[in-house]
């Protein structure tokens, strides 16, 4: 029979191994200085909570709206998150529909632009299975984003996700951009 010391070492090694394994399988928290980590977290949550959501399905990604508004107000932070979510959902193999595409390219001295937010310039909306709708609410600790994939025809919520972008990152982005990122 092994000595008490050997048995204790074996138990300690086993417990340590299990703890390391458990820690490595836990989802990693987003990088505190990058909005991409929060978009990745939202995407992972949406893909894992949506029982019928799978690669190859078409999704339109809209801008998160301020919850305390008439749902018709947003911010630079929300616009940045929308753009990053489009990239992350594409990486998750969803077909992201670019519905802000115009019928042509506007060539100007400032650049060449295929996108617009003027609905009169946009192409007809392309069909999609899902629309990503999200709201934002400012809290003392940061900005909380609640997102949901809604089945376009039935209006049934197919998947949900939530992240809080910490106040420090919101403030950092504000100081880097020199403009207001959140409502006041």
C-alpha atoms as a PDB file:
ATOM      1  CA  UNK A   1       0.000   0.000   0.000  1.00  0.00           C
ATOM      2  CA  UNK A   2       1.386   3.451  -0.909  1.00  0.00           C
ATOM      3  CA  UNK A   3       2.480   5.758   1.851  1.00  0.00           C
ATOM      4  CA  UNK A   4       0.301   8.681   2.937  1.00  0.00           C
ATOM      5  CA  UNK A   5       2.760  11.092   1.288  1.00  0.00           C
ATOM      6  CA  UNK A   6       2.548   9.308  -2.068  1.00  0.00           C
ATOM      7  CA  UNK A   7      -1.220   9.135  -1.876  1.00  0.00           C
ATOM      8  CA  UNK A   8      -1.445  12.851  -0.980  1.00  0.00           C
ATOM      9  CA  UNK A   9       0.845  13.786  -3.920  1.00  0.00           C
ATOM     10  CA  UNK A  10      -1.254  11.670  -6.279  1.00  0.00           C
ATOM     11  CA  UNK A  11      -4.511  13.320  -5.083  1.00  0.00           C
ATOM     12  CA  UNK A  12      -2.971  16.817  -5.302  1.00  0.00           C
ATOM     13  CA  UNK A  13      -1.714  16.145  -8.848  1.00  0.00           C
ATOM     14  CA  UNK A  14      -5.117  14.789  -9.927  1.00  0.00           C
ATOM     15  CA  UNK A  15      -6.999  17.755  -8.472  1.00  0.00           C
ATOM     16  CA  UNK A  16      -4.537  20.202 -10.066  1.00  0.00           C
ATOM     17  CA  UNK A  17      -4.930  18.508 -13.441  1.00  0.00           C
ATOM     18  CA  UNK A  18      -8.717  18.672 -13.200  1.00  0.00           C
ATOM     19  CA  UNK A  19      -8.607  22.352 -12.254  1.00  0.00           C
ATOM     20  CA  UNK A  20      -6.321  23.155 -15.196  1.00  0.00           C
ATOM     21  CA  UNK A  21      -8.597  21.245 -17.543  1.00  0.00           C
ATOM     22  CA  UNK A  22     -11.668  23.057 -16.202  1.00  0.00           C
ATOM     23  CA  UNK A  23     -10.000  26.453 -16.555  1.00  0.00           C
ATOM     24  CA  UNK A  24      -8.897  25.773 -20.122  1.00  0.00           C
ATOM     25  CA  UNK A  25     -12.410  24.732 -21.193  1.00  0.00           C
ATOM     26  CA  UNK A  26     -14.072  27.852 -19.787  1.00  0.00           C
ATOM     27  CA  UNK A  27     -14.907  30.596 -22.318  1.00  0.00           C
ATOM     28  CA  UNK A  28     -12.254  33.256 -22.358  1.00  0.00           C
ATOM     29  CA  UNK A  29     -13.386  36.727 -21.381  1.00  0.00           C
ATOM     30  CA  UNK A  30     -13.071  39.407 -24.059  1.00  0.00           C
ATOM     31  CA  UNK A  31      -9.921  41.461 -24.253  1.00  0.00           C
ATOM     32  CA  UNK A  32     -10.490  44.506 -22.030  1.00  0.00           C
ATOM     33  CA  UNK A  33      -9.044  46.943 -24.580  1.00  0.00           C
ATOM     34  CA  UNK A  34     -10.693  45.752 -27.805  1.00  0.00           C
ATOM     35  CA  UNK A  35     -14.331  45.832 -28.918  1.00  0.00           C
ATOM     36  CA  UNK A  36     -13.691  42.791 -31.125  1.00  0.00           C
ATOM     37  CA  UNK A  37     -13.600  40.535 -28.056  1.00  0.00           C
ATOM     38  CA  UNK A  38     -17.116  41.613 -27.113  1.00  0.00           C
ATOM     39  CA  UNK A  39     -18.376  41.029 -30.668  1.00  0.00           C
ATOM     40  CA  UNK A  40     -16.772  37.569 -30.573  1.00  0.00           C
ATOM     41  CA  UNK A  41     -18.482  36.836 -27.263  1.00  0.00           C
ATOM     42  CA  UNK A  42     -21.870  37.928 -28.632  1.00  0.00           C
ATOM     43  CA  UNK A  43     -21.359  35.784 -31.736  1.00  0.00           C
ATOM     44  CA  UNK A  44     -20.363  32.717 -29.710  1.00  0.00           C
ATOM     45  CA  UNK A  45     -23.402  33.135 -27.464  1.00  0.00           C
ATOM     46  CA  UNK A  46     -25.740  33.592 -30.433  1.00  0.00           C
ATOM     47  CA  UNK A  47     -24.407  30.530 -32.230  1.00  0.00           C
ATOM     48  CA  UNK A  48     -24.545  28.351 -29.102  1.00  0.00           C
ATOM     49  CA  UNK A  49     -27.984  29.493 -27.893  1.00  0.00           C
ATOM     50  CA  UNK A  50     -29.654  29.196 -31.287  1.00  0.00           C
ATOM     51  CA  UNK A  51     -30.812  25.613 -31.669  1.00  0.00           C
ATOM     52  CA  UNK A  52     -31.660  26.068 -35.370  1.00  0.00           C
ATOM     53  CA  UNK A  53     -29.019  28.673 -36.247  1.00  0.00           C
ATOM     54  CA  UNK A  54     -26.309  27.205 -38.469  1.00  0.00           C
ATOM     55  CA  UNK A  55     -23.743  28.227 -41.032  1.00  0.00           C
ATOM     56  CA  UNK A  56     -24.975  29.166 -44.495  1.00  0.00           C
ATOM     57  CA  UNK A  57     -28.059  30.994 -43.252  1.00  0.00           C
ATOM     58  CA  UNK A  58     -28.521  34.631 -44.256  1.00  0.00           C
ATOM     59  CA  UNK A  59     -28.549  37.357 -41.595  1.00  0.00           C
ATOM     60  CA  UNK A  60     -28.909  41.142 -41.648  1.00  0.00           C
ATOM     61  CA  UNK A  61     -26.978  42.914 -38.880  1.00  0.00           C
ATOM     62  CA  UNK A  62     -28.557  46.140 -37.640  1.00  0.00           C
ATOM     63  CA  UNK A  63     -27.177  48.845 -35.377  1.00  0.00           C
ATOM     64  CA  UNK A  64     -27.767  48.447 -31.635  1.00  0.00           C
ATOM     65  CA  UNK A  65     -30.288  51.095 -30.539  1.00  0.00           C
ATOM     66  CA  UNK A  66     -30.397  52.867 -27.174  1.00  0.00           C
ATOM     67  CA  UNK A  67     -33.009  51.082 -25.069  1.00  0.00           C
ATOM     68  CA  UNK A  68     -34.140  54.280 -23.328  1.00  0.00           C
ATOM     69  CA  UNK A  69     -34.828  55.977 -26.686  1.00  0.00           C
ATOM     70  CA  UNK A  70     -37.524  55.444 -29.291  1.00  0.00           C
ATOM     71  CA  UNK A  71     -35.219  52.686 -30.667  1.00  0.00           C
ATOM     72  CA  UNK A  72     -34.184  55.083 -33.418  1.00  0.00           C
ATOM     73  CA  UNK A  73     -30.964  56.404 -31.769  1.00  0.00           C
ATOM     74  CA  UNK A  74     -27.512  54.941 -31.723  1.00  0.00           C
ATOM     75  CA  UNK A  75     -23.879  55.951 -31.202  1.00  0.00           C
ATOM     76  CA  UNK A  76     -20.413  55.530 -32.636  1.00  0.00           C
ATOM     77  CA  UNK A  77     -19.834  52.673 -30.188  1.00  0.00           C
ATOM     78  CA  UNK A  78     -22.924  50.869 -31.515  1.00  0.00           C
ATOM     79  CA  UNK A  79     -21.898  51.486 -35.133  1.00  0.00           C
ATOM     80  CA  UNK A  80     -18.431  50.060 -34.425  1.00  0.00           C
ATOM     81  CA  UNK A  81     -20.000  47.037 -32.745  1.00  0.00           C
ATOM     82  CA  UNK A  82     -22.322  46.499 -35.721  1.00  0.00           C
ATOM     83  CA  UNK A  83     -19.412  46.483 -38.165  1.00  0.00           C
ATOM     84  CA  UNK A  84     -17.403  44.097 -35.995  1.00  0.00           C
ATOM     85  CA  UNK A  85     -20.404  41.794 -35.500  1.00  0.00           C
ATOM     86  CA  UNK A  86     -20.748  41.547 -39.275  1.00  0.00           C
ATOM     87  CA  UNK A  87     -17.165  40.279 -39.500  1.00  0.00           C
ATOM     88  CA  UNK A  88     -17.565  37.870 -36.577  1.00  0.00           C
ATOM     89  CA  UNK A  89     -20.850  36.408 -37.846  1.00  0.00           C
ATOM     90  CA  UNK A  90     -19.213  35.934 -41.243  1.00  0.00           C
ATOM     91  CA  UNK A  91     -16.364  34.052 -39.516  1.00  0.00           C
ATOM     92  CA  UNK A  92     -19.065  31.884 -37.881  1.00  0.00           C
ATOM     93  CA  UNK A  93     -20.122  30.933 -41.443  1.00  0.00           C
ATOM     94  CA  UNK A  94     -23.383  32.867 -41.537  1.00  0.00           C
ATOM     95  CA  UNK A  95     -24.081  34.659 -44.812  1.00  0.00           C
ATOM     96  CA  UNK A  96     -24.131  38.332 -43.800  1.00  0.00           C
ATOM     97  CA  UNK A  97     -26.363  40.431 -46.063  1.00  0.00           C
ATOM     98  CA  UNK A  98     -25.003  43.928 -46.802  1.00  0.00           C
ATOM     99  CA  UNK A  99     -28.238  45.855 -47.130  1.00  0.00           C
ATOM    100  CA  UNK A 100     -26.577  49.312 -47.221  1.00  0.00           C
ATOM    101  CA  UNK A 101     -25.178  48.644 -50.706  1.00  0.00           C
ATOM    102  CA  UNK A 102     -26.197  51.155 -53.383  1.00  0.00           C
ATOM    103  CA  UNK A 103     -26.851  50.473 -57.073  1.00  0.00           C
ATOM    104  CA  UNK A 104     -23.432  51.853 -57.924  1.00  0.00           C
ATOM    105  CA  UNK A 105     -20.314  53.519 -56.596  1.00  0.00           C
ATOM    106  CA  UNK A 106     -20.358  57.240 -55.782  1.00  0.00           C
ATOM    107  CA  UNK A 107     -16.999  58.578 -56.963  1.00  0.00           C
ATOM    108  CA  UNK A 108     -16.051  61.774 -55.125  1.00  0.00           C
ATOM    109  CA  UNK A 109     -12.899  63.708 -54.340  1.00  0.00           C
ATOM    110  CA  UNK A 110     -13.140  62.289 -50.779  1.00  0.00           C
ATOM    111  CA  UNK A 111     -13.235  58.665 -51.971  1.00  0.00           C
ATOM    112  CA  UNK A 112     -15.298  56.021 -53.746  1.00  0.00           C
ATOM    113  CA  UNK A 113     -18.345  54.861 -51.788  1.00  0.00           C
ATOM    114  CA  UNK A 114     -20.594  51.842 -52.433  1.00  0.00           C
ATOM    115  CA  UNK A 115     -22.533  52.116 -49.133  1.00  0.00           C
ATOM    116  CA  UNK A 116     -25.167  54.582 -48.008  1.00  0.00           C
ATOM    117  CA  UNK A 117     -27.562  55.242 -45.148  1.00  0.00           C
ATOM    118  CA  UNK A 118     -29.951  57.124 -47.445  1.00  0.00           C
ATOM    119  CA  UNK A 119     -32.762  54.652 -48.058  1.00  0.00           C
ATOM    120  CA  UNK A 120     -33.473  56.254 -51.445  1.00  0.00           C
ATOM    121  CA  UNK A 121     -30.024  55.203 -52.675  1.00  0.00           C
ATOM    122  CA  UNK A 122     -30.207  51.599 -51.503  1.00  0.00           C
ATOM    123  CA  UNK A 123     -30.889  48.500 -53.533  1.00  0.00           C
ATOM    124  CA  UNK A 124     -33.975  46.487 -52.805  1.00  0.00           C
ATOM    125  CA  UNK A 125     -33.550  44.607 -49.536  1.00  0.00           C
ATOM    126  CA  UNK A 126     -32.292  41.084 -50.047  1.00  0.00           C
ATOM    127  CA  UNK A 127     -34.085  38.213 -48.327  1.00  0.00           C
ATOM    128  CA  UNK A 128     -32.612  36.814 -45.111  1.00  0.00           C
ATOM    129  CA  UNK A 129     -33.591  34.140 -42.606  1.00  0.00           C
ATOM    130  CA  UNK A 130     -32.540  36.239 -39.613  1.00  0.00           C
ATOM    131  CA  UNK A 131     -32.125  39.806 -38.522  1.00  0.00           C
ATOM    132  CA  UNK A 132     -29.770  40.676 -35.672  1.00  0.00           C
ATOM    133  CA  UNK A 133     -31.543  43.187 -33.439  1.00  0.00           C
ATOM    134  CA  UNK A 134     -29.764  44.658 -30.433  1.00  0.00           C
ATOM    135  CA  UNK A 135     -30.266  47.244 -27.738  1.00  0.00           C
ATOM    136  CA  UNK A 136     -27.745  49.145 -25.657  1.00  0.00           C
ATOM    137  CA  UNK A 137     -28.150  50.555 -22.181  1.00  0.00           C
ATOM    138  CA  UNK A 138     -25.625  52.665 -20.322  1.00  0.00           C
ATOM    139  CA  UNK A 139     -24.883  51.570 -16.778  1.00  0.00           C
ATOM    140  CA  UNK A 140     -22.383  52.711 -14.179  1.00  0.00           C
ATOM    141  CA  UNK A 141     -20.066  49.797 -15.005  1.00  0.00           C
ATOM    142  CA  UNK A 142     -20.288  50.181 -18.810  1.00  0.00           C
ATOM    143  CA  UNK A 143     -22.637  49.665 -21.732  1.00  0.00           C
ATOM    144  CA  UNK A 144     -24.720  46.480 -21.785  1.00  0.00           C
ATOM    145  CA  UNK A 145     -25.614  45.087 -25.206  1.00  0.00           C
ATOM    146  CA  UNK A 146     -28.523  42.647 -25.500  1.00  0.00           C
ATOM    147  CA  UNK A 147     -28.638  40.988 -28.914  1.00  0.00           C
ATOM    148  CA  UNK A 148     -31.055  38.562 -30.495  1.00  0.00           C
ATOM    149  CA  UNK A 149     -31.323  36.753 -33.799  1.00  0.00           C
ATOM    150  CA  UNK A 150     -34.931  37.015 -34.900  1.00  0.00           C
ATOM    151  CA  UNK A 151     -36.346  34.730 -37.571  1.00  0.00           C
ATOM    152  CA  UNK A 152     -37.349  37.259 -40.219  1.00  0.00           C
ATOM    153  CA  UNK A 153     -40.724  35.838 -41.315  1.00  0.00           C
ATOM    154  CA  UNK A 154     -42.110  34.462 -38.042  1.00  0.00           C
ATOM    155  CA  UNK A 155     -40.502  37.116 -35.760  1.00  0.00           C
ATOM    156  CA  UNK A 156     -39.544  34.328 -33.336  1.00  0.00           C
ATOM    157  CA  UNK A 157     -36.371  34.946 -31.321  1.00  0.00           C
ATOM    158  CA  UNK A 158     -33.998  32.158 -32.355  1.00  0.00           C
ATOM    159  CA  UNK A 159     -30.931  33.073 -30.275  1.00  0.00           C
ATOM    160  CA  UNK A 160     -29.888  35.577 -27.615  1.00  0.00           C
ATOM    161  CA  UNK A 161     -26.691  37.056 -26.211  1.00  0.00           C
ATOM    162  CA  UNK A 162     -25.553  39.727 -23.750  1.00  0.00           C
ATOM    163  CA  UNK A 163     -22.272  41.456 -22.966  1.00  0.00           C
ATOM    164  CA  UNK A 164     -21.279  44.471 -20.934  1.00  0.00           C
ATOM    165  CA  UNK A 165     -18.545  46.596 -22.454  1.00  0.00           C
ATOM    166  CA  UNK A 166     -16.685  47.948 -19.428  1.00  0.00           C
ATOM    167  CA  UNK A 167     -16.688  51.642 -18.628  1.00  0.00           C
ATOM    168  CA  UNK A 168     -12.880  51.752 -19.005  1.00  0.00           C
ATOM    169  CA  UNK A 169     -13.089  50.581 -22.641  1.00  0.00           C
ATOM    170  CA  UNK A 170     -15.988  52.916 -23.426  1.00  0.00           C
ATOM    171  CA  UNK A 171     -14.001  55.828 -21.961  1.00  0.00           C
ATOM    172  CA  UNK A 172     -10.839  54.732 -23.817  1.00  0.00           C
ATOM    173  CA  UNK A 173     -12.683  54.605 -27.139  1.00  0.00           C
ATOM    174  CA  UNK A 174     -14.239  57.987 -26.418  1.00  0.00           C
ATOM    175  CA  UNK A 175     -10.838  59.580 -25.754  1.00  0.00           C
ATOM    176  CA  UNK A 176      -9.283  57.965 -28.852  1.00  0.00           C
ATOM    177  CA  UNK A 177     -12.110  59.034 -31.123  1.00  0.00           C
ATOM    178  CA  UNK A 178     -12.595  62.472 -29.600  1.00  0.00           C
ATOM    179  CA  UNK A 179     -16.355  62.157 -30.036  1.00  0.00           C
ATOM    180  CA  UNK A 180     -19.259  60.958 -27.941  1.00  0.00           C
ATOM    181  CA  UNK A 181     -19.699  57.197 -28.167  1.00  0.00           C
ATOM    182  CA  UNK A 182     -22.595  56.889 -25.776  1.00  0.00           C
ATOM    183  CA  UNK A 183     -25.660  58.927 -24.981  1.00  0.00           C
ATOM    184  CA  UNK A 184     -25.593  61.328 -22.074  1.00  0.00           C
END
